[in-house]
Structure formats: structure tokens, C-alpha cells
């Protein structure tokens, strides 16, 4: 466990199927293994059916990761690109402060073997 006193929580909400790609990219490109992936479902405010009160349920994936403040902008930009958020209906991403957080990491097996 690692205590971070100046962390940032980055939350990325993307259409179904993109969350796993974002999470995989965090591991492979930035070596971040402590993100979480949630599934959600809901009705969009501006969908054509919502005006009739019915609403079409859409599935979303939510990726959350806590990082140190000095790495937050780099991780934010990576998640924005990996989630393809620059296109219409690509999702939403935001960052907020996490003044005290603990990052859970698996131990390095090479160090334990010594």
C-alpha cells in the first residue's frame, strides 16, 4: 500500500466496450495497475425518446484511477485519447482532488524472491 497525500481521482465514463480498452492502455502504456472498471446503465437527457418519458437505456463503462498530482495531467490526456472522447457521444471525463488516498499495488515478485 502506498499513501498519496496530493492525489487526483480521474473518472472516465465511456460507451460500453471502450472502458476495457482504456484500462488495458493504462496497464500497457503507463504501467498503472490500480484502476477500477464499473458498468452503468441509464437514460440520456437529450435522446429523442426521452422527451416522451420512455428513454432508451444505454450501457456505459466507468473507469476510475487515483494518481499523484504530478502525473494527473499525463494520465488524463491518455485516458481522453484512449477512450476516443474527442468525438460526438464519446463520453465524459473529469478530475477531482483526492487529498488522502491509498493506492493498492501488488508486490514485485522479483524483489520478494531475493
PDB file of N, CA and C in Angstrom:
ATOM      1  N   UNK A   1       0.851  -1.182   0.000  1.00  0.00           N
ATOM      2  CA  UNK A   1       0.000   0.000   0.000  1.00  0.00           C
ATOM      3  C   UNK A   1       0.891   1.238   0.000  1.00  0.00           C
ATOM      4  N   UNK A   2       0.428   2.236  -0.710  1.00  0.00           N
ATOM      5  CA  UNK A   2       1.184   3.478  -0.803  1.00  0.00           C
ATOM      6  C   UNK A   2       0.244   4.638  -0.508  1.00  0.00           C
ATOM      7  N   UNK A   3       0.585   5.445   0.493  1.00  0.00           N
ATOM      8  CA  UNK A   3      -0.228   6.605   0.853  1.00  0.00           C
ATOM      9  C   UNK A   3       0.142   7.774  -0.044  1.00  0.00           C
ATOM     10  N   UNK A   4      -0.862   8.375  -0.657  1.00  0.00           N
ATOM     11  CA  UNK A   4      -0.674   9.552  -1.504  1.00  0.00           C
ATOM     12  C   UNK A   4      -1.425  10.698  -0.846  1.00  0.00           C
ATOM     13  N   UNK A   5      -0.724  11.791  -0.562  1.00  0.00           N
ATOM     14  CA  UNK A   5      -1.366  12.914   0.128  1.00  0.00           C
ATOM     15  C   UNK A   5      -1.770  14.044  -0.812  1.00  0.00           C
ATOM     16  N   UNK A   6      -1.385  13.977  -2.057  1.00  0.00           N
ATOM     17  CA  UNK A   6      -1.769  15.022  -3.022  1.00  0.00           C
ATOM     18  C   UNK A   6      -2.277  14.372  -4.306  1.00  0.00           C
ATOM     19  N   UNK A   7      -3.207  13.454  -4.181  1.00  0.00           N
ATOM     20  CA  UNK A   7      -3.680  12.687  -5.329  1.00  0.00           C
ATOM     21  C   UNK A   7      -4.809  13.350  -6.089  1.00  0.00           C
ATOM     22  N   UNK A   8      -5.089  12.791  -7.228  1.00  0.00           N
ATOM     23  CA  UNK A   8      -6.213  13.206  -8.070  1.00  0.00           C
ATOM     24  C   UNK A   8      -6.978  11.949  -8.472  1.00  0.00           C
ATOM     25  N   UNK A   9      -8.297  12.042  -8.441  1.00  0.00           N
ATOM     26  CA  UNK A   9      -9.161  10.960  -8.897  1.00  0.00           C
ATOM     27  C   UNK A   9      -9.661  11.323 -10.286  1.00  0.00           C
ATOM     28  N   UNK A  10      -9.366  10.487 -11.260  1.00  0.00           N
ATOM     29  CA  UNK A  10      -9.802  10.711 -12.634  1.00  0.00           C
ATOM     30  C   UNK A  10     -10.904   9.706 -12.935  1.00  0.00           C
ATOM     31  N   UNK A  11     -12.053  10.212 -13.371  1.00  0.00           N
ATOM     32  CA  UNK A  11     -13.206   9.376 -13.694  1.00  0.00           C
ATOM     33  C   UNK A  11     -13.535   9.558 -15.168  1.00  0.00           C
ATOM     34  N   UNK A  12     -13.661   8.450 -15.869  1.00  0.00           N
ATOM     35  CA  UNK A  12     -13.896   8.448 -17.312  1.00  0.00           C
ATOM     36  C   UNK A  12     -15.135   7.597 -17.587  1.00  0.00           C
ATOM     37  N   UNK A  13     -16.175   8.189 -18.173  1.00  0.00           N
ATOM     38  CA  UNK A  13     -17.411   7.471 -18.490  1.00  0.00           C
ATOM     39  C   UNK A  13     -17.505   7.370 -20.009  1.00  0.00           C
ATOM     40  N   UNK A  14     -17.475   6.142 -20.509  1.00  0.00           N
ATOM     41  CA  UNK A  14     -17.436   5.903 -21.954  1.00  0.00           C
ATOM     42  C   UNK A  14     -18.500   4.884 -22.357  1.00  0.00           C
ATOM     43  N   UNK A  15     -18.838   4.828 -23.656  1.00  0.00           N
ATOM     44  CA  UNK A  15     -19.784   3.810 -24.118  1.00  0.00           C
ATOM     45  C   UNK A  15     -19.256   2.396 -23.853  1.00  0.00           C
ATOM     46  N   UNK A  16     -20.177   1.467 -23.770  1.00  0.00           N
ATOM     47  CA  UNK A  16     -19.829   0.073 -23.491  1.00  0.00           C
ATOM     48  C   UNK A  16     -18.780  -0.432 -24.483  1.00  0.00           C
ATOM     49  N   UNK A  17     -17.767  -1.088 -23.953  1.00  0.00           N
ATOM     50  CA  UNK A  17     -16.703  -1.651 -24.775  1.00  0.00           C
ATOM     51  C   UNK A  17     -15.423  -0.853 -24.771  1.00  0.00           C
ATOM     52  N   UNK A  18     -15.498   0.438 -24.500  1.00  0.00           N
ATOM     53  CA  UNK A  18     -14.292   1.268 -24.511  1.00  0.00           C
ATOM     54  C   UNK A  18     -13.567   1.281 -23.169  1.00  0.00           C
ATOM     55  N   UNK A  19     -14.266   1.003 -22.092  1.00  0.00           N
ATOM     56  CA  UNK A  19     -13.647   1.044 -20.766  1.00  0.00           C
ATOM     57  C   UNK A  19     -12.518   0.050 -20.615  1.00  0.00           C
ATOM     58  N   UNK A  20     -12.716  -1.139 -21.149  1.00  0.00           N
ATOM     59  CA  UNK A  20     -11.666  -2.159 -21.067  1.00  0.00           C
ATOM     60  C   UNK A  20     -10.437  -1.739 -21.860  1.00  0.00           C
ATOM     61  N   UNK A  21     -10.650  -1.042 -22.978  1.00  0.00           N
ATOM     62  CA  UNK A  21      -9.520  -0.560 -23.771  1.00  0.00           C
ATOM     63  C   UNK A  21      -8.730   0.502 -23.014  1.00  0.00           C
ATOM     64  N   UNK A  22      -9.442   1.393 -22.321  1.00  0.00           N
ATOM     65  CA  UNK A  22      -8.779   2.423 -21.522  1.00  0.00           C
ATOM     66  C   UNK A  22      -7.978   1.764 -20.404  1.00  0.00           C
ATOM     67  N   UNK A  23      -8.595   0.819 -19.709  1.00  0.00           N
ATOM     68  CA  UNK A  23      -7.928   0.145 -18.598  1.00  0.00           C
ATOM     69  C   UNK A  23      -6.703  -0.641 -19.088  1.00  0.00           C
ATOM     70  N   UNK A  24      -6.838  -1.317 -20.212  1.00  0.00           N
ATOM     71  CA  UNK A  24      -5.717  -2.070 -20.773  1.00  0.00           C
ATOM     72  C   UNK A  24      -4.578  -1.127 -21.166  1.00  0.00           C
ATOM     73  N   UNK A  25      -4.921   0.024 -21.734  1.00  0.00           N
ATOM     74  CA  UNK A  25      -3.912   1.008 -22.096  1.00  0.00           C
ATOM     75  C   UNK A  25      -3.180   1.567 -20.892  1.00  0.00           C
ATOM     76  N   UNK A  26      -3.906   1.781 -19.796  1.00  0.00           N
ATOM     77  CA  UNK A  26      -3.261   2.261 -18.575  1.00  0.00           C
ATOM     78  C   UNK A  26      -2.194   1.282 -18.104  1.00  0.00           C
ATOM     79  N   UNK A  27      -2.491  -0.003 -18.207  1.00  0.00           N
ATOM     80  CA  UNK A  27      -1.534  -1.027 -17.776  1.00  0.00           C
ATOM     81  C   UNK A  27      -0.350  -1.099 -18.734  1.00  0.00           C
ATOM     82  N   UNK A  28      -0.631  -1.187 -20.029  1.00  0.00           N
ATOM     83  CA  UNK A  28       0.430  -1.411 -21.006  1.00  0.00           C
ATOM     84  C   UNK A  28       1.278  -0.178 -21.284  1.00  0.00           C
ATOM     85  N   UNK A  29       0.666   0.992 -21.336  1.00  0.00           N
ATOM     86  CA  UNK A  29       1.399   2.197 -21.726  1.00  0.00           C
ATOM     87  C   UNK A  29       1.957   2.986 -20.538  1.00  0.00           C
ATOM     88  N   UNK A  30       1.190   3.051 -19.441  1.00  0.00           N
ATOM     89  CA  UNK A  30       1.606   3.876 -18.306  1.00  0.00           C
ATOM     90  C   UNK A  30       1.966   3.060 -17.071  1.00  0.00           C
ATOM     91  N   UNK A  31       1.865   1.742 -17.157  1.00  0.00           N
ATOM     92  CA  UNK A  31       2.190   0.843 -16.041  1.00  0.00           C
ATOM     93  C   UNK A  31       1.366   1.156 -14.790  1.00  0.00           C
ATOM     94  N   UNK A  32       0.085   1.480 -14.998  1.00  0.00           N
ATOM     95  CA  UNK A  32      -0.840   1.743 -13.892  1.00  0.00           C
ATOM     96  C   UNK A  32      -1.769   0.538 -13.772  1.00  0.00           C
ATOM     97  N   UNK A  33      -1.652  -0.183 -12.668  1.00  0.00           N
ATOM     98  CA  UNK A  33      -2.400  -1.425 -12.468  1.00  0.00           C
ATOM     99  C   UNK A  33      -3.539  -1.277 -11.467  1.00  0.00           C
ATOM    100  N   UNK A  34      -3.797  -0.103 -10.969  1.00  0.00           N
ATOM    101  CA  UNK A  34      -4.772   0.058  -9.885  1.00  0.00           C
ATOM    102  C   UNK A  34      -6.022   0.833 -10.298  1.00  0.00           C
ATOM    103  N   UNK A  35      -6.449   0.709 -11.532  1.00  0.00           N
ATOM    104  CA  UNK A  35      -7.700   1.350 -11.948  1.00  0.00           C
ATOM    105  C   UNK A  35      -8.871   0.406 -11.688  1.00  0.00           C
ATOM    106  N   UNK A  36     -10.055   0.978 -11.614  1.00  0.00           N
ATOM    107  CA  UNK A  36     -11.262   0.164 -11.433  1.00  0.00           C
ATOM    108  C   UNK A  36     -12.199   0.399 -12.611  1.00  0.00           C
ATOM    109  N   UNK A  37     -12.981  -0.623 -12.935  1.00  0.00           N
ATOM    110  CA  UNK A  37     -13.924  -0.563 -14.048  1.00  0.00           C
ATOM    111  C   UNK A  37     -15.298  -0.948 -13.531  1.00  0.00           C
ATOM    112  N   UNK A  38     -16.276  -0.054 -13.734  1.00  0.00           N
ATOM    113  CA  UNK A  38     -17.658  -0.296 -13.323  1.00  0.00           C
ATOM    114  C   UNK A  38     -18.548  -0.260 -14.561  1.00  0.00           C
ATOM    115  N   UNK A  39     -19.683  -0.892 -14.452  1.00  0.00           N
ATOM    116  CA  UNK A  39     -20.682  -0.848 -15.519  1.00  0.00           C
ATOM    117  C   UNK A  39     -21.886  -0.062 -15.017  1.00  0.00           C
ATOM    118  N   UNK A  40     -22.497   0.704 -15.909  1.00  0.00           N
ATOM    119  CA  UNK A  40     -23.662   1.512 -15.537  1.00  0.00           C
ATOM    120  C   UNK A  40     -24.661   1.498 -16.690  1.00  0.00           C
ATOM    121  N   UNK A  41     -25.875   1.867 -16.358  1.00  0.00           N
ATOM    122  CA  UNK A  41     -26.939   1.933 -17.360  1.00  0.00           C
ATOM    123  C   UNK A  41     -27.822   3.121 -17.009  1.00  0.00           C
ATOM    124  N   UNK A  42     -28.298   3.820 -18.012  1.00  0.00           N
ATOM    125  CA  UNK A  42     -29.158   4.957 -17.735  1.00  0.00           C
ATOM    126  C   UNK A  42     -29.759   5.540 -18.994  1.00  0.00           C
ATOM    127  N   UNK A  43     -30.515   6.600 -18.811  1.00  0.00           N
ATOM    128  CA  UNK A  43     -31.210   7.273 -19.901  1.00  0.00           C
ATOM    129  C   UNK A  43     -30.546   8.619 -20.126  1.00  0.00           C
ATOM    130  N   UNK A  44     -30.205   8.918 -21.373  1.00  0.00           N
ATOM    131  CA  UNK A  44     -29.614  10.201 -21.693  1.00  0.00           C
ATOM    132  C   UNK A  44     -30.650  11.316 -21.663  1.00  0.00           C
ATOM    133  N   UNK A  45     -30.230  12.507 -21.294  1.00  0.00           N
ATOM    134  CA  UNK A  45     -31.149  13.649 -21.219  1.00  0.00           C
ATOM    135  C   UNK A  45     -31.633  14.097 -22.578  1.00  0.00           C
ATOM    136  N   UNK A  46     -30.799  13.987 -23.581  1.00  0.00           N
ATOM    137  CA  UNK A  46     -31.119  14.568 -24.877  1.00  0.00           C
ATOM    138  C   UNK A  46     -31.387  13.522 -25.956  1.00  0.00           C
ATOM    139  N   UNK A  47     -31.727  12.316 -25.564  1.00  0.00           N
ATOM    140  CA  UNK A  47     -32.062  11.311 -26.575  1.00  0.00           C
ATOM    141  C   UNK A  47     -33.474  11.589 -27.085  1.00  0.00           C
ATOM    142  N   UNK A  48     -33.777  11.257 -28.334  1.00  0.00           N
ATOM    143  CA  UNK A  48     -35.092  11.569 -28.912  1.00  0.00           C
ATOM    144  C   UNK A  48     -36.251  10.946 -28.143  1.00  0.00           C
ATOM    145  N   UNK A  49     -36.053   9.801 -27.562  1.00  0.00           N
ATOM    146  CA  UNK A  49     -37.138   9.117 -26.864  1.00  0.00           C
ATOM    147  C   UNK A  49     -37.374   9.719 -25.477  1.00  0.00           C
ATOM    148  N   UNK A  50     -36.369  10.401 -24.915  1.00  0.00           N
ATOM    149  CA  UNK A  50     -36.513  10.917 -23.549  1.00  0.00           C
ATOM    150  C   UNK A  50     -37.611  11.970 -23.436  1.00  0.00           C
ATOM    151  N   UNK A  51     -37.932  12.667 -24.533  1.00  0.00           N
ATOM    152  CA  UNK A  51     -38.992  13.681 -24.478  1.00  0.00           C
ATOM    153  C   UNK A  51     -40.368  13.056 -24.270  1.00  0.00           C
ATOM    154  N   UNK A  52     -40.518  11.806 -24.625  1.00  0.00           N
ATOM    155  CA  UNK A  52     -41.789  11.105 -24.415  1.00  0.00           C
ATOM    156  C   UNK A  52     -41.843  10.413 -23.053  1.00  0.00           C
ATOM    157  N   UNK A  53     -40.782  10.529 -22.290  1.00  0.00           N
ATOM    158  CA  UNK A  53     -40.774   9.935 -20.958  1.00  0.00           C
ATOM    159  C   UNK A  53     -40.382   8.477 -20.923  1.00  0.00           C
ATOM    160  N   UNK A  54     -40.072   7.909 -22.076  1.00  0.00           N
ATOM    161  CA  UNK A  54     -39.713   6.491 -22.119  1.00  0.00           C
ATOM    162  C   UNK A  54     -38.219   6.336 -21.862  1.00  0.00           C
ATOM    163  N   UNK A  55     -37.444   6.905 -22.710  1.00  0.00           N
ATOM    164  CA  UNK A  55     -35.999   6.844 -22.562  1.00  0.00           C
ATOM    165  C   UNK A  55     -35.419   5.519 -22.996  1.00  0.00           C
ATOM    166  N   UNK A  56     -34.348   5.599 -23.723  1.00  0.00           N
ATOM    167  CA  UNK A  56     -33.655   4.391 -24.156  1.00  0.00           C
ATOM    168  C   UNK A  56     -32.464   4.177 -23.234  1.00  0.00           C
ATOM    169  N   UNK A  57     -32.417   3.027 -22.620  1.00  0.00           N
ATOM    170  CA  UNK A  57     -31.324   2.744 -21.697  1.00  0.00           C
ATOM    171  C   UNK A  57     -30.053   2.452 -22.487  1.00  0.00           C
ATOM    172  N   UNK A  58     -28.981   3.085 -22.074  1.00  0.00           N
ATOM    173  CA  UNK A  58     -27.689   2.870 -22.705  1.00  0.00           C
ATOM    174  C   UNK A  58     -26.713   2.359 -21.660  1.00  0.00           C
ATOM    175  N   UNK A  59     -25.882   1.412 -22.059  1.00  0.00           N
ATOM    176  CA  UNK A  59     -24.871   0.899 -21.144  1.00  0.00           C
ATOM    177  C   UNK A  59     -23.601   1.717 -21.294  1.00  0.00           C
ATOM    178  N   UNK A  60     -22.982   2.002 -20.160  1.00  0.00           N
ATOM    179  CA  UNK A  60     -21.735   2.762 -20.116  1.00  0.00           C
ATOM    180  C   UNK A  60     -20.729   1.995 -19.273  1.00  0.00           C
ATOM    181  N   UNK A  61     -19.476   2.349 -19.409  1.00  0.00           N
ATOM    182  CA  UNK A  61     -18.424   1.817 -18.553  1.00  0.00           C
ATOM    183  C   UNK A  61     -17.720   2.992 -17.894  1.00  0.00           C
ATOM    184  N   UNK A  62     -17.412   2.834 -16.626  1.00  0.00           N
ATOM    185  CA  UNK A  62     -16.780   3.886 -15.841  1.00  0.00           C
ATOM    186  C   UNK A  62     -15.415   3.388 -15.390  1.00  0.00           C
ATOM    187  N   UNK A  63     -14.375   4.110 -15.783  1.00  0.00           N
ATOM    188  CA  UNK A  63     -13.013   3.780 -15.372  1.00  0.00           C
ATOM    189  C   UNK A  63     -12.564   4.852 -14.394  1.00  0.00           C
ATOM    190  N   UNK A  64     -12.090   4.428 -13.225  1.00  0.00           N
ATOM    191  CA  UNK A  64     -11.589   5.357 -12.216  1.00  0.00           C
ATOM    192  C   UNK A  64     -10.160   4.984 -11.862  1.00  0.00           C
ATOM    193  N   UNK A  65      -9.343   6.000 -11.681  1.00  0.00           N
ATOM    194  CA  UNK A  65      -7.957   5.774 -11.280  1.00  0.00           C
ATOM    195  C   UNK A  65      -7.515   6.939 -10.400  1.00  0.00           C
ATOM    196  N   UNK A  66      -6.767   6.627  -9.363  1.00  0.00           N
ATOM    197  CA  UNK A  66      -6.199   7.640  -8.485  1.00  0.00           C
ATOM    198  C   UNK A  66      -4.704   7.697  -8.741  1.00  0.00           C
ATOM    199  N   UNK A  67      -4.206   8.900  -8.991  1.00  0.00           N
ATOM    200  CA  UNK A  67      -2.782   9.076  -9.278  1.00  0.00           C
ATOM    201  C   UNK A  67      -2.255  10.269  -8.495  1.00  0.00           C
ATOM    202  N   UNK A  68      -0.936  10.356  -8.392  1.00  0.00           N
ATOM    203  CA  UNK A  68      -0.307  11.513  -7.764  1.00  0.00           C
ATOM    204  C   UNK A  68      -0.557  12.744  -8.635  1.00  0.00           C
ATOM    205  N   UNK A  69      -0.616  13.905  -8.002  1.00  0.00           N
ATOM    206  CA  UNK A  69      -0.957  15.143  -8.710  1.00  0.00           C
ATOM    207  C   UNK A  69       0.010  15.454  -9.850  1.00  0.00           C
ATOM    208  N   UNK A  70       1.284  15.118  -9.692  1.00  0.00           N
ATOM    209  CA  UNK A  70       2.254  15.441 -10.739  1.00  0.00           C
ATOM    210  C   UNK A  70       2.087  14.581 -12.000  1.00  0.00           C
ATOM    211  N   UNK A  71       1.404  13.432 -11.905  1.00  0.00           N
ATOM    212  CA  UNK A  71       1.155  12.579 -13.068  1.00  0.00           C
ATOM    213  C   UNK A  71      -0.263  12.730 -13.607  1.00  0.00           C
ATOM    214  N   UNK A  72      -1.099  13.502 -12.933  1.00  0.00           N
ATOM    215  CA  UNK A  72      -2.531  13.550 -13.249  1.00  0.00           C
ATOM    216  C   UNK A  72      -2.813  14.055 -14.664  1.00  0.00           C
ATOM    217  N   UNK A  73      -2.161  15.112 -15.095  1.00  0.00           N
ATOM    218  CA  UNK A  73      -2.427  15.653 -16.434  1.00  0.00           C
ATOM    219  C   UNK A  73      -2.045  14.656 -17.529  1.00  0.00           C
ATOM    220  N   UNK A  74      -0.930  13.969 -17.351  1.00  0.00           N
ATOM    221  CA  UNK A  74      -0.491  12.972 -18.328  1.00  0.00           C
ATOM    222  C   UNK A  74      -1.501  11.824 -18.426  1.00  0.00           C
ATOM    223  N   UNK A  75      -1.965  11.335 -17.287  1.00  0.00           N
ATOM    224  CA  UNK A  75      -2.923  10.231 -17.269  1.00  0.00           C
ATOM    225  C   UNK A  75      -4.267  10.693 -17.841  1.00  0.00           C
ATOM    226  N   UNK A  76      -4.690  11.914 -17.502  1.00  0.00           N
ATOM    227  CA  UNK A  76      -5.942  12.469 -18.017  1.00  0.00           C
ATOM    228  C   UNK A  76      -5.922  12.514 -19.548  1.00  0.00           C
ATOM    229  N   UNK A  77      -4.841  13.052 -20.115  1.00  0.00           N
ATOM    230  CA  UNK A  77      -4.728  13.142 -21.574  1.00  0.00           C
ATOM    231  C   UNK A  77      -4.725  11.762 -22.216  1.00  0.00           C
ATOM    232  N   UNK A  78      -4.032  10.813 -21.589  1.00  0.00           N
ATOM    233  CA  UNK A  78      -4.001   9.460 -22.136  1.00  0.00           C
ATOM    234  C   UNK A  78      -5.394   8.844 -22.142  1.00  0.00           C
ATOM    235  N   UNK A  79      -6.124   8.972 -21.033  1.00  0.00           N
ATOM    236  CA  UNK A  79      -7.462   8.391 -20.942  1.00  0.00           C
ATOM    237  C   UNK A  79      -8.413   9.054 -21.935  1.00  0.00           C
ATOM    238  N   UNK A  80      -8.275  10.358 -22.137  1.00  0.00           N
ATOM    239  CA  UNK A  80      -9.101  11.076 -23.111  1.00  0.00           C
ATOM    240  C   UNK A  80      -8.892  10.501 -24.507  1.00  0.00           C
ATOM    241  N   UNK A  81      -7.636  10.286 -24.871  1.00  0.00           N
ATOM    242  CA  UNK A  81      -7.338   9.742 -26.193  1.00  0.00           C
ATOM    243  C   UNK A  81      -7.721   8.282 -26.333  1.00  0.00           C
ATOM    244  N   UNK A  82      -7.415   7.481 -25.326  1.00  0.00           N
ATOM    245  CA  UNK A  82      -7.705   6.044 -25.389  1.00  0.00           C
ATOM    246  C   UNK A  82      -9.208   5.772 -25.402  1.00  0.00           C
ATOM    247  N   UNK A  83      -9.983   6.644 -24.746  1.00  0.00           N
ATOM    248  CA  UNK A  83     -11.432   6.476 -24.718  1.00  0.00           C
ATOM    249  C   UNK A  83     -12.136   7.083 -25.910  1.00  0.00           C
ATOM    250  N   UNK A  84     -11.367   7.661 -26.832  1.00  0.00           N
ATOM    251  CA  UNK A  84     -11.916   8.306 -28.034  1.00  0.00           C
ATOM    252  C   UNK A  84     -13.000   9.314 -27.663  1.00  0.00           C
ATOM    253  N   UNK A  85     -12.682  10.189 -26.727  1.00  0.00           N
ATOM    254  CA  UNK A  85     -13.664  11.129 -26.206  1.00  0.00           C
ATOM    255  C   UNK A  85     -13.791  12.393 -27.040  1.00  0.00           C
ATOM    256  N   UNK A  86     -12.938  12.574 -28.031  1.00  0.00           N
ATOM    257  CA  UNK A  86     -13.000  13.767 -28.856  1.00  0.00           C
ATOM    258  C   UNK A  86     -14.050  13.714 -29.950  1.00  0.00           C
ATOM    259  N   UNK A  87     -14.853  12.695 -29.972  1.00  0.00           N
ATOM    260  CA  UNK A  87     -15.894  12.576 -30.989  1.00  0.00           C
ATOM    261  C   UNK A  87     -17.271  12.698 -30.338  1.00  0.00           C
ATOM    262  N   UNK A  88     -18.313  12.982 -31.119  1.00  0.00           N
ATOM    263  CA  UNK A  88     -19.656  13.111 -30.543  1.00  0.00           C
ATOM    264  C   UNK A  88     -20.075  11.840 -29.801  1.00  0.00           C
ATOM    265  N   UNK A  89     -20.693  12.020 -28.662  1.00  0.00           N
ATOM    266  CA  UNK A  89     -21.161  10.938 -27.799  1.00  0.00           C
ATOM    267  C   UNK A  89     -20.017  10.030 -27.356  1.00  0.00           C
ATOM    268  N   UNK A  90     -18.813  10.585 -27.286  1.00  0.00           N
ATOM    269  CA  UNK A  90     -17.640   9.798 -26.911  1.00  0.00           C
ATOM    270  C   UNK A  90     -17.516   9.560 -25.429  1.00  0.00           C
ATOM    271  N   UNK A  91     -18.257  10.304 -24.629  1.00  0.00           N
ATOM    272  CA  UNK A  91     -18.197  10.121 -23.186  1.00  0.00           C
ATOM    273  C   UNK A  91     -17.815  11.403 -22.477  1.00  0.00           C
ATOM    274  N   UNK A  92     -17.491  11.253 -21.215  1.00  0.00           N
ATOM    275  CA  UNK A  92     -17.114  12.396 -20.386  1.00  0.00           C
ATOM    276  C   UNK A  92     -15.986  11.960 -19.461  1.00  0.00           C
ATOM    277  N   UNK A  93     -15.101  12.896 -19.170  1.00  0.00           N
ATOM    278  CA  UNK A  93     -14.001  12.627 -18.261  1.00  0.00           C
ATOM    279  C   UNK A  93     -13.836  13.838 -17.356  1.00  0.00           C
ATOM    280  N   UNK A  94     -13.557  13.583 -16.094  1.00  0.00           N
ATOM    281  CA  UNK A  94     -13.316  14.685 -15.169  1.00  0.00           C
ATOM    282  C   UNK A  94     -12.327  14.248 -14.102  1.00  0.00           C
ATOM    283  N   UNK A  95     -11.741  15.250 -13.441  1.00  0.00           N
ATOM    284  CA  UNK A  95     -10.721  15.006 -12.433  1.00  0.00           C
ATOM    285  C   UNK A  95     -11.059  15.823 -11.196  1.00  0.00           C
ATOM    286  N   UNK A  96     -10.883  15.227 -10.030  1.00  0.00           N
ATOM    287  CA  UNK A  96     -11.106  15.956  -8.781  1.00  0.00           C
ATOM    288  C   UNK A  96      -9.996  15.602  -7.793  1.00  0.00           C
ATOM    289  N   UNK A  97      -9.884  16.418  -6.766  1.00  0.00           N
ATOM    290  CA  UNK A  97      -8.842  16.201  -5.772  1.00  0.00           C
ATOM    291  C   UNK A  97      -9.167  15.003  -4.893  1.00  0.00           C
ATOM    292  N   UNK A  98      -8.126  14.300  -4.509  1.00  0.00           N
ATOM    293  CA  UNK A  98      -8.219  13.215  -3.535  1.00  0.00           C
ATOM    294  C   UNK A  98      -7.090  13.466  -2.536  1.00  0.00           C
ATOM    295  N   UNK A  99      -7.349  14.309  -1.524  1.00  0.00           N
ATOM    296  CA  UNK A  99      -6.272  14.770  -0.648  1.00  0.00           C
ATOM    297  C   UNK A  99      -5.535  13.657   0.098  1.00  0.00           C
ATOM    298  N   UNK A 100      -6.222  12.588   0.455  1.00  0.00           N
ATOM    299  CA  UNK A 100      -5.570  11.452   1.121  1.00  0.00           C
ATOM    300  C   UNK A 100      -6.151  10.176   0.544  1.00  0.00           C
ATOM    301  N   UNK A 101      -5.298   9.401  -0.050  1.00  0.00           N
ATOM    302  CA  UNK A 101      -5.753   8.144  -0.634  1.00  0.00           C
ATOM    303  C   UNK A 101      -4.653   7.100  -0.525  1.00  0.00           C
ATOM    304  N   UNK A 102      -5.047   5.862  -0.551  1.00  0.00           N
ATOM    305  CA  UNK A 102      -4.098   4.761  -0.515  1.00  0.00           C
ATOM    306  C   UNK A 102      -4.197   3.995  -1.823  1.00  0.00           C
ATOM    307  N   UNK A 103      -3.085   3.852  -2.484  1.00  0.00           N
ATOM    308  CA  UNK A 103      -3.037   3.109  -3.732  1.00  0.00           C
ATOM    309  C   UNK A 103      -2.590   1.689  -3.410  1.00  0.00           C
ATOM    310  N   UNK A 104      -3.429   0.741  -3.777  1.00  0.00           N
ATOM    311  CA  UNK A 104      -3.122  -0.666  -3.542  1.00  0.00           C
ATOM    312  C   UNK A 104      -2.367  -1.202  -4.754  1.00  0.00           C
ATOM    313  N   UNK A 105      -1.194  -1.747  -4.518  1.00  0.00           N
ATOM    314  CA  UNK A 105      -0.398  -2.311  -5.598  1.00  0.00           C
ATOM    315  C   UNK A 105       0.062  -3.701  -5.209  1.00  0.00           C
ATOM    316  N   UNK A 106       0.160  -4.565  -6.189  1.00  0.00           N
ATOM    317  CA  UNK A 106       0.692  -5.895  -5.947  1.00  0.00           C
ATOM    318  C   UNK A 106       2.194  -5.807  -5.717  1.00  0.00           C
ATOM    319  N   UNK A 107       2.735  -6.640  -4.849  1.00  0.00           N
ATOM    320  CA  UNK A 107       4.181  -6.596  -4.611  1.00  0.00           C
ATOM    321  C   UNK A 107       4.951  -7.084  -5.832  1.00  0.00           C
ATOM    322  N   UNK A 108       6.162  -6.594  -5.972  1.00  0.00           N
ATOM    323  CA  UNK A 108       7.035  -7.021  -7.058  1.00  0.00           C
ATOM    324  C   UNK A 108       7.593  -8.397  -6.704  1.00  0.00           C
ATOM    325  N   UNK A 109       7.251  -9.397  -7.494  1.00  0.00           N
ATOM    326  CA  UNK A 109       7.668 -10.767  -7.196  1.00  0.00           C
ATOM    327  C   UNK A 109       9.177 -10.944  -7.266  1.00  0.00           C
ATOM    328  N   UNK A 110       9.850 -10.188  -8.119  1.00  0.00           N
ATOM    329  CA  UNK A 110      11.305 -10.295  -8.220  1.00  0.00           C
ATOM    330  C   UNK A 110      11.972  -9.859  -6.921  1.00  0.00           C
ATOM    331  N   UNK A 111      11.442  -8.809  -6.303  1.00  0.00           N
ATOM    332  CA  UNK A 111      12.007  -8.339  -5.039  1.00  0.00           C
ATOM    333  C   UNK A 111      11.723  -9.313  -3.906  1.00  0.00           C
ATOM    334  N   UNK A 112      10.565  -9.941  -3.922  1.00  0.00           N
ATOM    335  CA  UNK A 112      10.217 -10.901  -2.873  1.00  0.00           C
ATOM    336  C   UNK A 112      11.068 -12.165  -2.956  1.00  0.00           C
ATOM    337  N   UNK A 113      11.514 -12.522  -4.157  1.00  0.00           N
ATOM    338  CA  UNK A 113      12.308 -13.738  -4.339  1.00  0.00           C
ATOM    339  C   UNK A 113      13.726 -13.586  -3.805  1.00  0.00           C
ATOM    340  N   UNK A 114      14.182 -12.358  -3.625  1.00  0.00           N
ATOM    341  CA  UNK A 114      15.563 -12.128  -3.151  1.00  0.00           C
ATOM    342  C   UNK A 114      15.715 -12.421  -1.710  1.00  0.00           C
TER     343      UNK A 114
END
